[in-house]
Amino acid sequence: MVFPPIFRVILLSVLAHTAYKGSKVLMTLSALELGANVFYVGLLFSMFAIFPLLLSVYAGKISDRIGFRWPMILGASGLVFGLYIPYLRFSLPLLYISAALIGFCYIFYTVAVQHLIGAMADGIERTKNFSWYSLGIGMTALLGPTSAGFLIDATSHRTTFFILSVLPTIPVLLMLFFRGWLPIAEGISVAKTDQSKQSVGDLLKNNSLRRALITAGIIETGLELYNLLLPIYGHKIGLSPSQIGMILGAFGMALLLVRSAMTNLVKLYCEERVLAISLFSAAIVCIIFPFVKSFWPLALISFVLGLGLGCGSPLSMMLAYNRAPTARAGEAMGLRQMVTKGTEVLVPFVFGSLSAGLGMVPVFWLDAFLLGIAACIMHFDANRRPK
């Protein structure tokens, strides 16, 4: 039986990203277990994004020049070692080192695999590939947090780090010893123009691309705010790690559901209009979210928020790829990652400090306001798009 190339790539990403998503919940709960307050947990969360903020565009240029395989191997290997460090010695300072190492390496995997997905096809087939990829990543939003929560309850925080480190080891071995596992698309990724004479500023002069990047940053703000505050909030009201993982898993289930319908929705409307409706729905949910106080209502509203934000990342990814010059697609994907990682650095620090001083309500309402702005931007683009 021939395993289609897109599904081979998705399998690698599901294994690696399950560990990555699980590591974020595990790091947060481990820091709380070691006595860290909200500010220091937010700072720990930011460590995942500091190096990606600096390296994203460079990672995109690398994938433009040398292809996908070695950047993906580097990223998955860094994830393995980053998860193994806290298993060797479970302490708060090493959590920060581990998060920084994961962020430093994994950005090369993320940018390369997104570039690879875009380079494998054109038109509606590209949309289908991004849809399949987003379904796989959505699955990790279910598997990562829930597995981390149950493993902590069943074993310990330290042992869970070791178990999660096994998952990205499999993609590393497959890519190292089975060269045919990845589709032969190395030539597609090599830029045909002299990049030395071009700057990131040239890409930012593209108005449509710039609007897509702004929208991507706001979407990431909503996702990061949820991933940061939900474990803290659940811990504060006395939920167990497995319950927190199940609430995060409800969000992941919603991602799977809405992304399974994404291709059909785009066919009926367009990327911009679907994204506008999704973001507006998420903004409404964020207004309600901080007033929910118990497990089942939290799981329900988490599911609804997942429906609203589920299309955000894959559609913003498609828009960035489609609006970028062909020879600089990898660099554009890296620029998108730089924007999203910038929000990952700022959101835990800024919003964590605000929630510590002002509580959850104004933080979620500010996020609702930002999501509303992004919805308006996409509504504007949808109206300008030729019918």
Protein backbone atom coordinates (compact mmCIF):
# COMPACT_ATOMS: atom_id res chain seq x y z
CA MET A 1 0.00 0.00 0.00
CA VAL A 2 1.39 3.39 -1.03
CA PHE A 3 1.28 5.96 1.76
CA PRO A 4 0.50 9.36 0.12
CA PRO A 5 3.27 11.97 0.65
CA ILE A 6 0.99 14.47 2.40
CA PHE A 7 0.07 11.88 5.04
CA ARG A 8 3.70 10.91 5.60
CA VAL A 9 4.46 14.57 6.35
CA ILE A 10 1.40 14.85 8.59
CA LEU A 11 2.41 11.74 10.56
CA LEU A 12 5.79 13.31 11.34
CA SER A 13 4.11 16.54 12.42
CA VAL A 14 1.51 14.81 14.60
CA LEU A 15 4.21 12.94 16.51
CA ALA A 16 6.44 15.98 16.95
CA HIS A 17 3.72 18.52 17.63
CA THR A 18 1.90 16.31 20.16
CA ALA A 19 5.07 16.41 22.22
CA TYR A 20 5.42 20.17 21.65
CA LYS A 21 1.83 20.94 22.68
CA GLY A 22 2.10 18.60 25.66
CA SER A 23 5.36 20.23 26.71
CA LYS A 24 3.69 23.63 27.09
CA VAL A 25 1.04 22.31 29.47
CA LEU A 26 3.63 20.17 31.26
CA MET A 27 6.01 23.12 31.68
CA THR A 28 3.23 25.31 33.08
CA LEU A 29 2.01 22.73 35.59
CA SER A 30 5.59 21.79 36.53
CA ALA A 31 6.46 25.42 37.23
CA LEU A 32 3.36 25.77 39.41
CA GLU A 33 4.29 22.55 41.18
CA LEU A 34 7.75 24.01 41.88
CA GLY A 35 6.20 27.15 43.40
CA ALA A 36 6.35 29.67 40.53
CA ASN A 37 3.75 32.46 40.50
CA VAL A 38 1.76 33.70 37.50
CA PHE A 39 4.44 36.17 36.41
CA TYR A 40 7.20 33.54 36.34
CA VAL A 41 4.95 31.05 34.57
CA GLY A 42 4.30 33.70 31.94
CA LEU A 43 8.03 34.31 31.63
CA LEU A 44 8.59 30.57 31.19
CA PHE A 45 5.95 30.49 28.45
CA SER A 46 7.76 33.34 26.70
CA MET A 47 10.98 31.33 26.58
CA PHE A 48 9.41 29.08 23.94
CA ALA A 49 9.17 32.06 21.58
CA ILE A 50 12.22 34.29 22.22
CA PHE A 51 14.58 32.51 19.80
CA PRO A 52 11.87 31.83 17.18
CA LEU A 53 11.16 35.57 17.17
CA LEU A 54 14.78 36.18 16.16
CA LEU A 55 15.27 33.18 13.89
CA SER A 56 11.97 32.75 12.01
CA VAL A 57 12.90 34.74 8.90
CA TYR A 58 16.34 33.12 8.83
CA ALA A 59 14.69 29.68 9.10
CA GLY A 60 12.50 30.60 6.12
CA LYS A 61 15.52 31.64 4.07
CA ILE A 62 17.23 28.37 4.96
CA SER A 63 14.25 26.36 3.71
CA ASP A 64 14.25 28.47 0.52
CA ARG A 65 17.92 27.65 -0.09
CA ILE A 66 18.61 24.09 1.12
CA GLY A 67 15.17 22.50 1.30
CA PHE A 68 13.14 20.93 4.08
CA ARG A 69 14.76 17.74 5.37
CA TRP A 70 17.66 19.00 7.49
CA PRO A 71 15.78 21.91 9.10
CA MET A 72 13.05 19.44 10.08
CA ILE A 73 15.61 17.00 11.53
CA LEU A 74 17.21 19.83 13.53
CA GLY A 75 13.86 20.96 14.91
CA ALA A 76 12.66 17.52 15.96
CA SER A 77 16.05 16.67 17.53
CA GLY A 78 16.01 19.87 19.59
CA LEU A 79 12.54 18.96 20.84
CA VAL A 80 13.83 15.55 21.98
CA PHE A 81 16.73 17.02 23.94
CA GLY A 82 14.64 19.88 25.32
CA LEU A 83 12.14 17.44 26.80
CA TYR A 84 14.85 15.16 28.17
CA ILE A 85 16.61 17.88 30.19
CA PRO A 86 13.92 18.23 32.92
CA TYR A 87 13.81 14.44 33.22
CA LEU A 88 17.51 14.38 34.07
CA ARG A 89 17.10 17.13 36.69
CA PHE A 90 13.70 18.49 37.66
CA SER A 91 14.18 22.14 38.68
CA LEU A 92 12.72 25.52 37.77
CA PRO A 93 15.91 26.99 36.19
CA LEU A 94 16.24 23.96 33.89
CA LEU A 95 12.64 24.39 32.78
CA TYR A 96 13.63 27.79 31.38
CA ILE A 97 16.66 26.29 29.61
CA SER A 98 14.53 23.47 28.22
CA ALA A 99 11.85 25.86 26.90
CA ALA A 100 14.50 28.05 25.26
CA LEU A 101 16.19 25.06 23.57
CA ILE A 102 12.87 23.74 22.25
CA GLY A 103 11.99 27.17 20.87
CA PHE A 104 15.45 27.64 19.32
CA CYS A 105 15.34 24.37 17.36
CA TYR A 106 11.67 23.71 16.72
CA ILE A 107 11.17 26.90 14.68
CA PHE A 108 13.29 25.34 11.91
CA TYR A 109 10.94 22.35 11.80
CA THR A 110 7.80 24.52 11.85
CA VAL A 111 8.81 26.86 9.03
CA ALA A 112 10.23 24.06 6.86
CA VAL A 113 7.19 21.80 7.15
CA GLN A 114 4.75 24.65 6.40
CA HIS A 115 6.83 25.61 3.37
CA LEU A 116 6.87 21.97 2.27
CA ILE A 117 3.06 21.69 2.55
CA GLY A 118 2.64 24.78 0.38
CA ALA A 119 5.21 23.64 -2.19
CA MET A 120 3.61 20.24 -2.76
CA ALA A 121 0.63 21.54 -4.82
CA ASP A 122 -1.17 24.56 -6.24
CA GLY A 123 -4.70 25.95 -6.14
CA ILE A 124 -7.41 23.95 -4.40
CA GLU A 125 -4.99 21.03 -3.91
CA ARG A 126 -2.79 23.33 -1.83
CA THR A 127 -5.86 24.29 0.20
CA LYS A 128 -6.61 20.58 0.72
CA ASN A 129 -3.03 19.90 1.82
CA PHE A 130 -3.10 22.77 4.32
CA SER A 131 -6.49 21.51 5.50
CA TRP A 132 -5.13 17.99 6.07
CA TYR A 133 -2.08 19.43 7.81
CA SER A 134 -4.22 21.65 10.04
CA LEU A 135 -6.34 18.62 10.94
CA GLY A 136 -3.20 16.82 12.05
CA ILE A 137 -2.04 19.81 14.09
CA GLY A 138 -5.56 20.13 15.51
CA MET A 139 -5.32 16.51 16.63
CA THR A 140 -2.19 17.39 18.60
CA ALA A 141 -4.13 20.13 20.41
CA LEU A 142 -6.31 17.28 21.69
CA LEU A 143 -3.62 14.64 22.23
CA GLY A 144 -0.84 16.82 23.68
CA PRO A 145 -2.60 18.46 26.66
CA THR A 146 -4.76 15.44 27.55
CA SER A 147 -1.85 13.00 27.45
CA ALA A 148 0.30 15.34 29.52
CA GLY A 149 -2.45 15.77 32.11
CA PHE A 150 -3.20 12.05 32.46
CA LEU A 151 0.49 11.12 32.49
CA ILE A 152 1.17 13.58 35.31
CA ASP A 153 -1.65 12.07 37.38
CA ALA A 154 -0.56 8.50 36.55
CA THR A 155 3.21 8.95 37.00
CA SER A 156 4.84 12.30 37.81
CA HIS A 157 5.83 15.57 36.15
CA ARG A 158 9.41 14.36 35.70
CA THR A 159 8.50 11.00 34.14
CA THR A 160 6.07 12.69 31.76
CA PHE A 161 8.95 14.68 30.26
CA PHE A 162 10.71 11.42 29.39
CA ILE A 163 7.60 9.81 27.86
CA LEU A 164 6.90 12.86 25.70
CA SER A 165 10.54 12.93 24.50
CA VAL A 166 10.01 9.53 22.84
CA LEU A 167 7.42 10.89 20.38
CA PRO A 168 9.67 13.27 18.34
CA THR A 169 12.42 10.63 18.34
CA ILE A 170 10.38 8.67 15.78
CA PRO A 171 10.31 11.48 13.15
CA VAL A 172 14.05 12.03 13.62
CA LEU A 173 14.77 8.36 12.89
CA LEU A 174 12.39 8.25 9.92
CA MET A 175 13.92 11.34 8.31
CA LEU A 176 17.50 10.23 8.97
CA PHE A 177 17.28 6.63 7.81
CA PHE A 178 14.41 6.70 5.29
CA ARG A 179 15.25 9.51 2.88
CA GLY A 180 12.23 8.73 0.72
CA TRP A 181 9.86 9.40 3.61
CA LEU A 182 9.63 13.09 2.69
CA PRO A 183 8.38 13.98 -0.81
CA ILE A 184 11.09 14.96 -3.29
CA ALA A 185 10.42 18.67 -3.36
CA GLU A 186 13.87 20.04 -2.58
CA GLY A 187 14.08 21.82 -5.92
CA ILE A 188 10.80 23.61 -5.33
CA SER A 189 12.13 25.23 -2.22
CA VAL A 190 15.27 26.75 -3.71
CA ALA A 191 14.83 30.43 -4.48
CA LYS A 192 15.38 31.36 -8.09
CA THR A 193 16.27 34.99 -7.32
CA ASP A 194 19.21 36.64 -5.64
CA GLN A 195 17.99 37.04 -2.06
CA SER A 196 21.08 38.98 -1.02
CA LYS A 197 19.62 42.08 -2.70
CA GLN A 198 16.21 41.67 -1.08
CA SER A 199 15.14 42.50 2.45
CA VAL A 200 12.26 41.65 4.73
CA GLY A 201 11.06 45.21 4.22
CA ASP A 202 10.36 44.38 0.58
CA LEU A 203 7.89 41.73 1.69
CA LEU A 204 6.25 44.10 4.16
CA LYS A 205 5.57 46.58 1.34
CA ASN A 206 3.06 44.04 0.03
CA ASN A 207 -0.17 45.41 1.55
CA SER A 208 -2.19 42.21 1.27
CA LEU A 209 0.63 40.16 2.80
CA ARG A 210 1.01 42.72 5.57
CA ARG A 211 -2.69 42.47 6.47
CA ALA A 212 -2.40 38.67 6.55
CA LEU A 213 0.56 38.96 8.93
CA ILE A 214 -1.29 41.33 11.26
CA THR A 215 -4.24 38.95 11.35
CA ALA A 216 -1.92 36.01 12.05
CA GLY A 217 -0.42 37.88 15.01
CA ILE A 218 -3.84 38.59 16.52
CA ILE A 219 -4.94 34.97 16.03
CA GLU A 220 -1.81 33.80 17.82
CA THR A 221 -2.58 36.24 20.65
CA GLY A 222 -5.92 34.51 21.18
CA LEU A 223 -4.40 31.04 21.07
CA GLU A 224 -1.50 31.85 23.37
CA LEU A 225 -3.71 33.65 25.86
CA TYR A 226 -5.94 30.59 26.10
CA ASN A 227 -3.00 28.16 26.41
CA LEU A 228 -1.37 30.33 29.09
CA LEU A 229 -4.32 31.28 31.28
CA LEU A 230 -6.44 28.14 31.16
CA PRO A 231 -3.95 25.93 33.11
CA ILE A 232 -3.35 28.75 35.61
CA TYR A 233 -7.08 29.39 35.99
CA GLY A 234 -7.87 25.68 36.31
CA HIS A 235 -5.15 25.24 38.94
CA LYS A 236 -6.50 28.25 40.83
CA ILE A 237 -10.07 26.89 41.05
CA GLY A 238 -8.83 23.45 42.13
CA LEU A 239 -9.06 21.37 38.96
CA SER A 240 -6.75 18.35 38.63
CA PRO A 241 -4.13 18.12 35.85
CA SER A 242 -6.25 15.53 34.03
CA GLN A 243 -9.31 17.83 34.17
CA ILE A 244 -7.24 20.74 32.84
CA GLY A 245 -5.96 18.48 30.07
CA MET A 246 -9.53 17.43 29.22
CA ILE A 247 -10.66 21.07 28.96
CA LEU A 248 -7.74 21.81 26.64
CA GLY A 249 -8.64 18.62 24.80
CA ALA A 250 -12.19 19.91 24.22
CA PHE A 251 -10.59 22.89 22.47
CA GLY A 252 -8.58 20.44 20.36
CA MET A 253 -11.69 18.44 19.44
CA ALA A 254 -13.33 21.63 18.18
CA LEU A 255 -10.24 22.38 16.10
CA LEU A 256 -10.53 18.97 14.46
CA LEU A 257 -14.22 19.44 13.75
CA VAL A 258 -14.01 22.89 12.18
CA ARG A 259 -10.86 22.11 10.21
CA SER A 260 -12.45 18.99 8.72
CA ALA A 261 -15.03 21.30 7.14
CA MET A 262 -12.56 24.04 6.21
CA THR A 263 -11.96 23.06 2.58
CA ASN A 264 -15.69 22.97 1.83
CA LEU A 265 -16.21 26.30 3.58
CA VAL A 266 -13.44 27.90 1.50
CA LYS A 267 -15.01 26.50 -1.69
CA LEU A 268 -18.37 28.01 -0.77
CA TYR A 269 -17.03 31.39 0.29
CA CYS A 270 -13.31 32.31 0.39
CA GLU A 271 -10.44 32.19 2.88
CA GLU A 272 -10.96 35.79 4.02
CA ARG A 273 -14.70 35.53 4.63
CA VAL A 274 -14.47 32.23 6.52
CA LEU A 275 -11.69 33.71 8.65
CA ALA A 276 -13.69 36.88 9.38
CA ILE A 277 -16.70 34.89 10.62
CA SER A 278 -14.49 32.60 12.74
CA LEU A 279 -12.68 35.47 14.43
CA PHE A 280 -15.89 37.36 15.16
CA SER A 281 -17.31 34.22 16.83
CA ALA A 282 -14.14 33.81 18.92
CA ALA A 283 -14.36 37.44 20.04
CA ILE A 284 -17.87 36.88 21.41
CA VAL A 285 -16.75 33.77 23.32
CA CYS A 286 -13.80 35.64 24.88
CA ILE A 287 -16.24 38.14 26.41
CA ILE A 288 -18.06 35.31 28.20
CA PHE A 289 -15.09 33.06 29.08
CA PRO A 290 -13.85 34.60 32.40
CA PHE A 291 -17.29 34.27 34.01
CA VAL A 292 -17.32 30.46 33.74
CA LYS A 293 -16.23 28.80 36.99
CA SER A 294 -16.59 24.98 36.89
CA PHE A 295 -15.33 21.98 34.92
CA TRP A 296 -18.15 21.07 32.51
CA PRO A 297 -19.09 24.65 31.58
CA LEU A 298 -15.37 25.38 31.04
CA ALA A 299 -15.09 22.33 28.77
CA LEU A 300 -18.15 23.46 26.79
CA ILE A 301 -17.03 27.06 26.30
CA SER A 302 -13.51 25.83 25.48
CA PHE A 303 -15.04 23.71 22.72
CA VAL A 304 -16.97 26.71 21.36
CA LEU A 305 -13.81 28.87 21.42
CA GLY A 306 -12.01 26.13 19.50
CA LEU A 307 -14.68 26.33 16.81
CA GLY A 308 -14.03 30.07 16.52
CA LEU A 309 -10.23 29.95 16.49
CA GLY A 310 -9.87 26.59 14.72
CA CYS A 311 -9.63 27.96 11.18
CA GLY A 312 -7.40 30.86 12.17
CA SER A 313 -3.90 29.40 11.93
CA PRO A 314 -4.31 27.31 8.73
CA LEU A 315 -6.16 30.06 6.87
CA SER A 316 -3.66 32.75 7.85
CA MET A 317 -0.93 30.31 6.80
CA MET A 318 -2.54 29.85 3.38
CA LEU A 319 -3.03 33.60 2.92
CA ALA A 320 0.61 34.33 3.76
CA TYR A 321 1.83 31.64 1.34
CA ASN A 322 -0.52 32.66 -1.48
CA ARG A 323 0.26 36.38 -1.16
CA ALA A 324 4.06 35.94 -1.07
CA PRO A 325 6.39 36.00 -4.13
CA THR A 326 6.97 32.42 -5.29
CA ALA A 327 10.74 32.48 -4.82
CA ARG A 328 10.41 33.86 -1.28
CA ALA A 329 7.56 31.69 0.01
CA GLY A 330 9.73 30.15 2.72
CA GLU A 331 10.89 33.58 3.86
CA ALA A 332 7.26 34.76 3.99
CA MET A 333 6.32 31.77 6.11
CA GLY A 334 9.27 32.61 8.36
CA LEU A 335 8.07 36.21 8.57
CA ARG A 336 4.64 34.96 9.60
CA GLN A 337 6.29 32.84 12.27
CA MET A 338 8.27 35.88 13.46
CA VAL A 339 5.01 37.78 13.93
CA THR A 340 3.32 34.91 15.75
CA LYS A 341 6.38 34.25 17.92
CA GLY A 342 6.53 37.95 18.75
CA THR A 343 3.04 37.65 20.16
CA GLU A 344 4.09 34.49 22.03
CA VAL A 345 6.83 36.50 23.73
CA LEU A 346 4.65 39.50 24.55
CA VAL A 347 1.38 37.78 25.44
CA PRO A 348 2.61 35.73 28.42
CA PHE A 349 4.61 38.67 29.81
CA VAL A 350 2.05 41.46 29.21
CA PHE A 351 -1.18 39.54 29.65
CA GLY A 352 0.23 37.49 32.54
CA SER A 353 1.11 40.70 34.37
CA LEU A 354 -2.30 42.20 33.59
CA SER A 355 -4.15 39.12 34.83
CA ALA A 356 -2.09 39.12 38.04
CA GLY A 357 -2.96 42.77 38.68
CA LEU A 358 -6.44 43.14 37.19
CA GLY A 359 -7.87 39.63 36.98
CA MET A 360 -9.08 37.58 34.02
CA VAL A 361 -12.01 39.73 32.84
CA PRO A 362 -10.16 42.74 31.31
CA VAL A 363 -7.54 40.45 29.76
CA PHE A 364 -10.09 38.34 27.90
CA TRP A 365 -12.04 41.44 26.90
CA LEU A 366 -8.91 43.01 25.45
CA ASP A 367 -8.35 39.83 23.48
CA ALA A 368 -11.95 39.98 22.23
CA PHE A 369 -11.30 43.53 21.01
CA LEU A 370 -8.18 42.44 19.09
CA LEU A 371 -9.99 39.48 17.52
CA GLY A 372 -12.74 41.88 16.43
CA ILE A 373 -10.15 44.06 14.68
CA ALA A 374 -8.74 41.03 12.84
CA ALA A 375 -12.28 40.02 11.80
CA CYS A 376 -12.82 43.51 10.34
CA ILE A 377 -9.53 43.31 8.39
CA MET A 378 -10.51 39.99 6.84
CA HIS A 379 -14.03 41.25 6.10
CA PHE A 380 -12.45 44.20 4.26
CA ASP A 381 -10.21 41.85 2.24
CA ALA A 382 -13.13 39.56 1.42
CA ASN A 383 -15.12 42.48 0.00
CA ARG A 384 -12.16 43.57 -2.14
CA ARG A 385 -11.60 40.08 -3.54
CA PRO A 386 -12.86 39.56 -7.13
CA LYS A 387 -16.01 37.44 -7.20
